[in-house]
Every structure is written in structure tokens, then in C-alpha cells.
Amino acid sequence: ALTIHALLDSPRASGAYQFVIHPGANSRMDVRA
């Protein structure tokens, strides 16, 4: 699996994200925000 963190910003919101990507026949992304 591959783990990615991201910082989001916009005029009226900001946020933190974590994506854990599990590749496979049907890939899955575990998203936390």
C-alpha cells in the first residue's frame, strides 16, 4: 500500500487528507479527512 497526505485550501475551507491506496483487481483507497 502507498500512503499520501494532502493539505487542502480554498476561500471558505481548509482540510487535511490521508489516502492509503491498496492496488489490486479492485483497488481500494482508504480516505481520512
Full PDB file with SEQRES, HELIX, SHEET, SSBOND, CRYST1, ORIGX, SCALE, CONECT and MASTER records, all heavy atoms in Angstrom:
SEQRES   1 A   33  ALA LEU THR ILE HIS ALA LEU LEU ASP SER PRO ARG ALA          
SEQRES   2 A   33  SER GLY ALA TYR GLN PHE VAL ILE HIS PRO GLY ALA ASN          
SEQRES   3 A   33  SER ARG MET ASP VAL ARG ALA                                  
SHEET    1 AA1 3 LEU A   2  SER A  10  0                                        
SHEET    2 AA1 3 ALA A  13  HIS A  22 -1                                        
SHEET    3 AA1 3 ARG A  28  ARG A  32 -1                                        
CRYST1    1.000    1.000    1.000  90.00  90.00  90.00 P 1           1          
ORIGX1      1.000000  0.000000  0.000000        0.00000                         
ORIGX2      0.000000  1.000000  0.000000        0.00000                         
ORIGX3      0.000000  0.000000  1.000000        0.00000                         
SCALE1      1.000000  0.000000  0.000000        0.00000                         
SCALE2      0.000000  1.000000  0.000000        0.00000                         
SCALE3      0.000000  0.000000  1.000000        0.00000                         
ATOM      1  N   ALA A   1       0.851  -1.191   0.000  1.00  0.00           N  
ATOM      2  CA  ALA A   1       0.000   0.000   0.000  1.00  0.00           C  
ATOM      3  C   ALA A   1       0.882   1.235   0.000  1.00  0.00           C  
ATOM      4  O   ALA A   1       2.037   1.207   0.426  1.00  0.00           O  
ATOM      5  CB  ALA A   1      -0.938  -0.002   1.204  1.00  0.00           C  
ATOM      6  N   LEU A   2       0.315   2.340  -0.499  1.00  0.00           N  
ATOM      7  CA  LEU A   2       1.017   3.614  -0.559  1.00  0.00           C  
ATOM      8  C   LEU A   2       0.206   4.650   0.208  1.00  0.00           C  
ATOM      9  O   LEU A   2      -1.005   4.767   0.003  1.00  0.00           O  
ATOM     10  CB  LEU A   2       1.187   4.064  -2.012  1.00  0.00           C  
ATOM     11  CG  LEU A   2       1.920   5.399  -2.244  1.00  0.00           C  
ATOM     12  CD1 LEU A   2       3.384   5.270  -1.844  1.00  0.00           C  
ATOM     13  CD2 LEU A   2       1.795   5.832  -3.713  1.00  0.00           C  
ATOM     14  N   THR A   3       0.875   5.412   1.097  1.00  0.00           N  
ATOM     15  CA  THR A   3       0.197   6.410   1.924  1.00  0.00           C  
ATOM     16  C   THR A   3       0.567   7.812   1.465  1.00  0.00           C  
ATOM     17  O   THR A   3       1.743   8.156   1.326  1.00  0.00           O  
ATOM     18  CB  THR A   3       0.568   6.234   3.405  1.00  0.00           C  
ATOM     19  OG1 THR A   3       0.155   4.929   3.837  1.00  0.00           O  
ATOM     20  CG2 THR A   3      -0.132   7.274   4.268  1.00  0.00           C  
ATOM     21  N   ILE A   4      -0.478   8.627   1.251  1.00  0.00           N  
ATOM     22  CA  ILE A   4      -0.324  10.002   0.780  1.00  0.00           C  
ATOM     23  C   ILE A   4      -1.086  10.919   1.726  1.00  0.00           C  
ATOM     24  O   ILE A   4      -2.249  10.655   2.052  1.00  0.00           O  
ATOM     25  CB  ILE A   4      -0.869  10.156  -0.656  1.00  0.00           C  
ATOM     26  CG1 ILE A   4      -0.100   9.258  -1.623  1.00  0.00           C  
ATOM     27  CG2 ILE A   4      -0.818  11.612  -1.109  1.00  0.00           C  
ATOM     28  CD1 ILE A   4      -0.743   9.141  -2.994  1.00  0.00           C  
ATOM     29  N   HIS A   5      -0.451  11.998   2.167  1.00  0.00           N  
ATOM     30  CA  HIS A   5      -1.107  13.028   2.963  1.00  0.00           C  
ATOM     31  C   HIS A   5      -1.243  14.278   2.094  1.00  0.00           C  
ATOM     32  O   HIS A   5      -0.375  14.564   1.269  1.00  0.00           O  
ATOM     33  CB  HIS A   5      -0.297  13.364   4.219  1.00  0.00           C  
ATOM     34  CG  HIS A   5       0.011  12.175   5.070  1.00  0.00           C  
ATOM     35  ND1 HIS A   5      -0.863  11.685   6.017  1.00  0.00           N  
ATOM     36  CD2 HIS A   5       1.099  11.356   5.104  1.00  0.00           C  
ATOM     37  CE1 HIS A   5      -0.328  10.633   6.614  1.00  0.00           C  
ATOM     38  NE2 HIS A   5       0.864  10.409   6.080  1.00  0.00           N  
ATOM     39  N   ALA A   6      -2.333  15.025   2.302  1.00  0.00           N  
ATOM     40  CA  ALA A   6      -2.556  16.209   1.473  1.00  0.00           C  
ATOM     41  C   ALA A   6      -3.179  17.319   2.303  1.00  0.00           C  
ATOM     42  O   ALA A   6      -4.012  17.068   3.176  1.00  0.00           O  
ATOM     43  CB  ALA A   6      -3.456  15.872   0.287  1.00  0.00           C  
ATOM     44  N   LEU A   7      -2.764  18.549   1.991  1.00  0.00           N  
ATOM     45  CA  LEU A   7      -3.331  19.743   2.599  1.00  0.00           C  
ATOM     46  C   LEU A   7      -4.219  20.422   1.573  1.00  0.00           C  
ATOM     47  O   LEU A   7      -3.796  20.664   0.432  1.00  0.00           O  
ATOM     48  CB  LEU A   7      -2.216  20.692   3.034  1.00  0.00           C  
ATOM     49  CG  LEU A   7      -2.644  22.020   3.679  1.00  0.00           C  
ATOM     50  CD1 LEU A   7      -3.338  21.778   5.013  1.00  0.00           C  
ATOM     51  CD2 LEU A   7      -1.435  22.937   3.853  1.00  0.00           C  
ATOM     52  N   LEU A   8      -5.459  20.731   1.970  1.00  0.00           N  
ATOM     53  CA  LEU A   8      -6.441  21.349   1.066  1.00  0.00           C  
ATOM     54  C   LEU A   8      -6.731  22.765   1.537  1.00  0.00           C  
ATOM     55  O   LEU A   8      -6.776  23.035   2.740  1.00  0.00           O  
ATOM     56  CB  LEU A   8      -7.710  20.500   1.033  1.00  0.00           C  
ATOM     57  CG  LEU A   8      -8.898  20.997   0.205  1.00  0.00           C  
ATOM     58  CD1 LEU A   8      -9.553  19.825  -0.521  1.00  0.00           C  
ATOM     59  CD2 LEU A   8      -9.932  21.678   1.107  1.00  0.00           C  
ATOM     60  N   ASP A   9      -6.971  23.668   0.578  1.00  0.00           N  
ATOM     61  CA  ASP A   9      -7.303  25.044   0.936  1.00  0.00           C  
ATOM     62  C   ASP A   9      -8.224  25.632  -0.120  1.00  0.00           C  
ATOM     63  O   ASP A   9      -8.196  25.237  -1.296  1.00  0.00           O  
ATOM     64  CB  ASP A   9      -6.032  25.885   1.058  1.00  0.00           C  
ATOM     65  CG  ASP A   9      -6.253  27.170   1.865  1.00  0.00           C  
ATOM     66  OD1 ASP A   9      -7.249  27.242   2.599  1.00  0.00           O  
ATOM     67  OD2 ASP A   9      -5.416  28.082   1.751  1.00  0.00           O  
ATOM     68  N   SER A  10      -9.059  26.575   0.298  1.00  0.00           N  
ATOM     69  CA  SER A  10      -9.953  27.303  -0.596  1.00  0.00           C  
ATOM     70  C   SER A  10     -10.460  28.521   0.165  1.00  0.00           C  
ATOM     71  O   SER A  10     -10.221  28.653   1.367  1.00  0.00           O  
ATOM     72  CB  SER A  10     -11.115  26.422  -1.060  1.00  0.00           C  
ATOM     73  OG  SER A  10     -12.085  26.276  -0.047  1.00  0.00           O  
ATOM     74  N   PRO A  11     -11.170  29.434  -0.495  1.00  0.00           N  
ATOM     75  CA  PRO A  11     -11.604  30.642   0.208  1.00  0.00           C  
ATOM     76  C   PRO A  11     -12.404  30.384   1.476  1.00  0.00           C  
ATOM     77  O   PRO A  11     -12.286  31.134   2.444  1.00  0.00           O  
ATOM     78  CB  PRO A  11     -12.452  31.363  -0.849  1.00  0.00           C  
ATOM     79  CG  PRO A  11     -11.822  30.967  -2.145  1.00  0.00           C  
ATOM     80  CD  PRO A  11     -11.412  29.531  -1.952  1.00  0.00           C  
ATOM     81  N   ARG A  12     -13.218  29.305   1.516  1.00  0.00           N  
ATOM     82  CA  ARG A  12     -14.066  29.096   2.687  1.00  0.00           C  
ATOM     83  C   ARG A  12     -13.798  27.797   3.421  1.00  0.00           C  
ATOM     84  O   ARG A  12     -14.565  27.445   4.324  1.00  0.00           O  
ATOM     85  CB  ARG A  12     -15.544  29.168   2.272  1.00  0.00           C  
ATOM     86  CG  ARG A  12     -16.011  30.587   1.944  1.00  0.00           C  
ATOM     87  CD  ARG A  12     -17.475  30.598   1.547  1.00  0.00           C  
ATOM     88  NE  ARG A  12     -17.663  29.992   0.231  1.00  0.00           N  
ATOM     89  CZ  ARG A  12     -18.852  29.643  -0.269  1.00  0.00           C  
ATOM     90  NH1 ARG A  12     -19.949  29.817   0.462  1.00  0.00           N  
ATOM     91  NH2 ARG A  12     -18.943  29.130  -1.474  1.00  0.00           N  
ATOM     92  N   ALA A  13     -12.739  27.079   3.100  1.00  0.00           N  
ATOM     93  CA  ALA A  13     -12.471  25.813   3.794  1.00  0.00           C  
ATOM     94  C   ALA A  13     -11.002  25.446   3.683  1.00  0.00           C  
ATOM     95  O   ALA A  13     -10.310  25.836   2.733  1.00  0.00           O  
ATOM     96  CB  ALA A  13     -13.332  24.691   3.225  1.00  0.00           C  
ATOM     97  N   SER A  14     -10.546  24.703   4.668  1.00  0.00           N  
ATOM     98  CA  SER A  14      -9.231  24.066   4.605  1.00  0.00           C  
ATOM     99  C   SER A  14      -9.405  22.651   5.137  1.00  0.00           C  
ATOM    100  O   SER A  14     -10.414  22.328   5.778  1.00  0.00           O  
ATOM    101  CB  SER A  14      -8.191  24.833   5.430  1.00  0.00           C  
ATOM    102  OG  SER A  14      -8.537  24.799   6.808  1.00  0.00           O  
ATOM    103  N   GLY A  15      -8.426  21.795   4.882  1.00  0.00           N  
ATOM    104  CA  GLY A  15      -8.602  20.426   5.333  1.00  0.00           C  
ATOM    105  C   GLY A  15      -7.337  19.604   5.223  1.00  0.00           C  
ATOM    106  O   GLY A  15      -6.388  19.959   4.504  1.00  0.00           O  
ATOM    107  N   ALA A  16      -7.322  18.497   5.972  1.00  0.00           N  
ATOM    108  CA  ALA A  16      -6.230  17.526   5.932  1.00  0.00           C  
ATOM    109  C   ALA A  16      -6.790  16.203   5.437  1.00  0.00           C  
ATOM    110  O   ALA A  16      -7.889  15.798   5.835  1.00  0.00           O  
ATOM    111  CB  ALA A  16      -5.616  17.357   7.322  1.00  0.00           C  
ATOM    112  N   TYR A  17      -6.024  15.532   4.579  1.00  0.00           N  
ATOM    113  CA  TYR A  17      -6.455  14.260   3.999  1.00  0.00           C  
ATOM    114  C   TYR A  17      -5.332  13.232   4.112  1.00  0.00           C  
ATOM    115  O   TYR A  17      -4.149  13.572   4.014  1.00  0.00           O  
ATOM    116  CB  TYR A  17      -6.824  14.420   2.523  1.00  0.00           C  
ATOM    117  CG  TYR A  17      -8.144  15.110   2.302  1.00  0.00           C  
ATOM    118  CD1 TYR A  17      -8.265  16.486   2.470  1.00  0.00           C  
ATOM    119  CD2 TYR A  17      -9.282  14.395   1.940  1.00  0.00           C  
ATOM    120  CE1 TYR A  17      -9.471  17.125   2.274  1.00  0.00           C  
ATOM    121  CE2 TYR A  17     -10.497  15.024   1.744  1.00  0.00           C  
ATOM    122  CZ  TYR A  17     -10.592  16.398   1.911  1.00  0.00           C  
ATOM    123  OH  TYR A  17     -11.791  17.025   1.726  1.00  0.00           O  
ATOM    124  N   GLN A  18      -5.763  11.989   4.277  1.00  0.00           N  
ATOM    125  CA  GLN A  18      -4.839  10.865   4.201  1.00  0.00           C  
ATOM    126  C   GLN A  18      -5.443   9.828   3.260  1.00  0.00           C  
ATOM    127  O   GLN A  18      -6.611   9.441   3.406  1.00  0.00           O  
ATOM    128  CB  GLN A  18      -4.605  10.234   5.575  1.00  0.00           C  
ATOM    129  CG  GLN A  18      -3.631   9.053   5.550  1.00  0.00           C  
ATOM    130  CD  GLN A  18      -3.561   8.355   6.894  1.00  0.00           C  
ATOM    131  OE1 GLN A  18      -4.500   7.673   7.307  1.00  0.00           O  
ATOM    132  NE2 GLN A  18      -2.454   8.551   7.603  1.00  0.00           N  
ATOM    133  N   PHE A  19      -4.669   9.409   2.275  1.00  0.00           N  
ATOM    134  CA  PHE A  19      -5.086   8.380   1.329  1.00  0.00           C  
ATOM    135  C   PHE A  19      -4.146   7.183   1.468  1.00  0.00           C  
ATOM    136  O   PHE A  19      -2.937   7.333   1.302  1.00  0.00           O  
ATOM    137  CB  PHE A  19      -5.022   8.897  -0.110  1.00  0.00           C  
ATOM    138  CG  PHE A  19      -5.824  10.135  -0.365  1.00  0.00           C  
ATOM    139  CD1 PHE A  19      -5.263  11.396  -0.217  1.00  0.00           C  
ATOM    140  CD2 PHE A  19      -7.153  10.058  -0.766  1.00  0.00           C  
ATOM    141  CE1 PHE A  19      -5.994  12.553  -0.463  1.00  0.00           C  
ATOM    142  CE2 PHE A  19      -7.895  11.201  -1.008  1.00  0.00           C  
ATOM    143  CZ  PHE A  19      -7.322  12.450  -0.856  1.00  0.00           C  
ATOM    144  N   VAL A  20      -4.703   6.024   1.766  1.00  0.00           N  
ATOM    145  CA  VAL A  20      -3.927   4.784   1.775  1.00  0.00           C  
ATOM    146  C   VAL A  20      -4.441   3.944   0.615  1.00  0.00           C  
ATOM    147  O   VAL A  20      -5.596   3.509   0.620  1.00  0.00           O  
ATOM    148  CB  VAL A  20      -4.053   4.035   3.105  1.00  0.00           C  
ATOM    149  CG1 VAL A  20      -3.167   2.778   3.085  1.00  0.00           C  
ATOM    150  CG2 VAL A  20      -3.662   4.939   4.272  1.00  0.00           C  
ATOM    151  N   ILE A  21      -3.595   3.742  -0.382  1.00  0.00           N  
ATOM    152  CA  ILE A  21      -4.016   3.132  -1.643  1.00  0.00           C  
ATOM    153  C   ILE A  21      -3.568   1.675  -1.669  1.00  0.00           C  
ATOM    154  O   ILE A  21      -2.379   1.376  -1.564  1.00  0.00           O  
ATOM    155  CB  ILE A  21      -3.426   3.900  -2.828  1.00  0.00           C  
ATOM    156  CG1 ILE A  21      -3.773   5.393  -2.698  1.00  0.00           C  
ATOM    157  CG2 ILE A  21      -3.927   3.343  -4.146  1.00  0.00           C  
ATOM    158  CD1 ILE A  21      -2.969   6.275  -3.598  1.00  0.00           C  
ATOM    159  N   HIS A  22      -4.547   0.780  -1.830  1.00  0.00           N  
ATOM    160  CA  HIS A  22      -4.295  -0.657  -1.876  1.00  0.00           C  
ATOM    161  C   HIS A  22      -4.562  -1.132  -3.309  1.00  0.00           C  
ATOM    162  O   HIS A  22      -5.716  -1.289  -3.708  1.00  0.00           O  
ATOM    163  CB  HIS A  22      -5.207  -1.403  -0.907  1.00  0.00           C  
ATOM    164  CG  HIS A  22      -5.114  -0.938   0.518  1.00  0.00           C  
ATOM    165  ND1 HIS A  22      -4.303  -1.549   1.447  1.00  0.00           N  
ATOM    166  CD2 HIS A  22      -5.732   0.079   1.165  1.00  0.00           C  
ATOM    167  CE1 HIS A  22      -4.429  -0.941   2.612  1.00  0.00           C  
ATOM    168  NE2 HIS A  22      -5.285   0.055   2.468  1.00  0.00           N  
ATOM    169  N   PRO A  23      -3.520  -1.344  -4.117  1.00  0.00           N  
ATOM    170  CA  PRO A  23      -3.752  -1.765  -5.502  1.00  0.00           C  
ATOM    171  C   PRO A  23      -4.191  -3.218  -5.582  1.00  0.00           C  
ATOM    172  O   PRO A  23      -3.863  -4.045  -4.720  1.00  0.00           O  
ATOM    173  CB  PRO A  23      -2.379  -1.569  -6.152  1.00  0.00           C  
ATOM    174  CG  PRO A  23      -1.395  -1.655  -5.023  1.00  0.00           C  
ATOM    175  CD  PRO A  23      -2.101  -1.141  -3.807  1.00  0.00           C  
ATOM    176  N   GLY A  24      -4.965  -3.529  -6.631  1.00  0.00           N  
ATOM    177  CA  GLY A  24      -5.419  -4.894  -6.828  1.00  0.00           C  
ATOM    178  C   GLY A  24      -6.393  -4.980  -7.980  1.00  0.00           C  
ATOM    179  O   GLY A  24      -6.568  -4.035  -8.754  1.00  0.00           O  
ATOM    180  N   ALA A  25      -7.060  -6.131  -8.110  1.00  0.00           N  
ATOM    181  CA  ALA A  25      -8.065  -6.296  -9.155  1.00  0.00           C  
ATOM    182  C   ALA A  25      -9.126  -5.209  -9.026  1.00  0.00           C  
ATOM    183  O   ALA A  25      -9.555  -4.608 -10.017  1.00  0.00           O  
ATOM    184  CB  ALA A  25      -8.691  -7.681  -9.058  1.00  0.00           C  
ATOM    185  N   ASN A  26      -9.577  -4.955  -7.822  1.00  0.00           N  
ATOM    186  CA  ASN A  26     -10.395  -3.791  -7.483  1.00  0.00           C  
ATOM    187  C   ASN A  26      -9.614  -2.985  -6.455  1.00  0.00           C  
ATOM    188  O   ASN A  26      -9.620  -3.313  -5.266  1.00  0.00           O  
ATOM    189  CB  ASN A  26     -11.746  -4.218  -6.905  1.00  0.00           C  
ATOM    190  CG  ASN A  26     -12.706  -4.726  -7.958  1.00  0.00           C  
ATOM    191  OD1 ASN A  26     -12.484  -4.543  -9.153  1.00  0.00           O  
ATOM    192  ND2 ASN A  26     -13.779  -5.365  -7.532  1.00  0.00           N  
ATOM    193  N   SER A  27      -8.912  -1.958  -6.903  1.00  0.00           N  
ATOM    194  CA  SER A  27      -8.103  -1.169  -5.980  1.00  0.00           C  
ATOM    195  C   SER A  27      -8.997  -0.450  -4.978  1.00  0.00           C  
ATOM    196  O   SER A  27     -10.169  -0.153  -5.252  1.00  0.00           O  
ATOM    197  CB  SER A  27      -7.248  -0.162  -6.741  1.00  0.00           C  
ATOM    198  OG  SER A  27      -6.288  -0.822  -7.548  1.00  0.00           O  
ATOM    199  N   ARG A  28      -8.435  -0.179  -3.808  1.00  0.00           N  
ATOM    200  CA  ARG A  28      -9.191   0.494  -2.746  1.00  0.00           C  
ATOM    201  C   ARG A  28      -8.363   1.640  -2.193  1.00  0.00           C  
ATOM    202  O   ARG A  28      -7.152   1.509  -2.005  1.00  0.00           O  
ATOM    203  CB  ARG A  28      -9.515  -0.497  -1.624  1.00  0.00           C  
ATOM    204  CG  ARG A  28     -10.431   0.079  -0.550  1.00  0.00           C  
ATOM    205  CD  ARG A  28     -10.649  -0.897   0.595  1.00  0.00           C  
ATOM    206  NE  ARG A  28      -9.591  -0.819   1.600  1.00  0.00           N  
ATOM    207  CZ  ARG A  28      -8.833  -1.836   1.982  1.00  0.00           C  
ATOM    208  NH1 ARG A  28      -8.971  -3.023   1.421  1.00  0.00           N  
ATOM    209  NH2 ARG A  28      -7.905  -1.666   2.918  1.00  0.00           N  
ATOM    210  N   MET A  29      -9.045   2.765  -1.927  1.00  0.00           N  
ATOM    211  CA  MET A  29      -8.407   3.894  -1.282  1.00  0.00           C  
ATOM    212  C   MET A  29      -9.096   4.137   0.053  1.00  0.00           C  
ATOM    213  O   MET A  29     -10.311   4.378   0.095  1.00  0.00           O  
ATOM    214  CB  MET A  29      -8.500   5.149  -2.153  1.00  0.00           C  
ATOM    215  CG  MET A  29      -7.813   5.004  -3.504  1.00  0.00           C  
ATOM    216  SD  MET A  29      -7.918   6.509  -4.540  1.00  0.00           S  
ATOM    217  CE  MET A  29      -6.814   7.607  -3.638  1.00  0.00           C  
ATOM    218  N   ASP A  30      -8.342   4.049   1.142  1.00  0.00           N  
ATOM    219  CA  ASP A  30      -8.867   4.374   2.465  1.00  0.00           C  
ATOM    220  C   ASP A  30      -8.623   5.865   2.703  1.00  0.00           C  
ATOM    221  O   ASP A  30      -7.477   6.317   2.743  1.00  0.00           O  
ATOM    222  CB  ASP A  30      -8.162   3.551   3.545  1.00  0.00           C  
ATOM    223  CG  ASP A  30      -8.398   2.051   3.374  1.00  0.00           C  
ATOM    224  OD1 ASP A  30      -9.407   1.689   2.757  1.00  0.00           O  
ATOM    225  OD2 ASP A  30      -7.556   1.263   3.846  1.00  0.00           O  
ATOM    226  N   VAL A  31      -9.703   6.611   2.840  1.00  0.00           N  
ATOM    227  CA  VAL A  31      -9.621   8.069   2.910  1.00  0.00           C  
ATOM    228  C   VAL A  31     -10.034   8.538   4.299  1.00  0.00           C  
ATOM    229  O   VAL A  31     -11.086   8.137   4.816  1.00  0.00           O  
ATOM    230  CB  VAL A  31     -10.536   8.730   1.851  1.00  0.00           C  
ATOM    231  CG1 VAL A  31     -10.360  10.250   1.875  1.00  0.00           C  
ATOM    232  CG2 VAL A  31     -10.235   8.176   0.464  1.00  0.00           C  
ATOM    233  N   ARG A  32      -9.197   9.373   4.878  1.00  0.00           N  
ATOM    234  CA  ARG A  32      -9.493  10.017   6.157  1.00  0.00           C  
ATOM    235  C   ARG A  32      -9.364  11.517   5.957  1.00  0.00           C  
ATOM    236  O   ARG A  32      -8.423  11.972   5.299  1.00  0.00           O  
ATOM    237  CB  ARG A  32      -8.517   9.541   7.228  1.00  0.00           C  
ATOM    238  CG  ARG A  32      -8.720  10.173   8.604  1.00  0.00           C  
ATOM    239  CD  ARG A  32      -7.607   9.766   9.557  1.00  0.00           C  
ATOM    240  NE  ARG A  32      -7.767  10.380  10.870  1.00  0.00           N  
ATOM    241  CZ  ARG A  32      -6.842  10.341  11.835  1.00  0.00           C  
ATOM    242  NH1 ARG A  32      -5.696   9.705  11.618  1.00  0.00           N  
ATOM    243  NH2 ARG A  32      -7.062  10.922  12.996  1.00  0.00           N  
ATOM    244  N   ALA A  33     -10.303  12.288   6.500  1.00  0.00           N  
ATOM    245  CA  ALA A  33     -10.269  13.730   6.280  1.00  0.00           C  
ATOM    246  C   ALA A  33     -10.716  14.474   7.528  1.00  0.00           C  
ATOM    247  O   ALA A  33     -11.537  13.973   8.315  1.00  0.00           O  
ATOM    248  CB  ALA A  33     -11.165  14.112   5.102  1.00  0.00           C  
TER     249      ALA A  33                                                      
MASTER        0    0    0    0    3    0    0    6  248    1    0    3          
END                                                                             
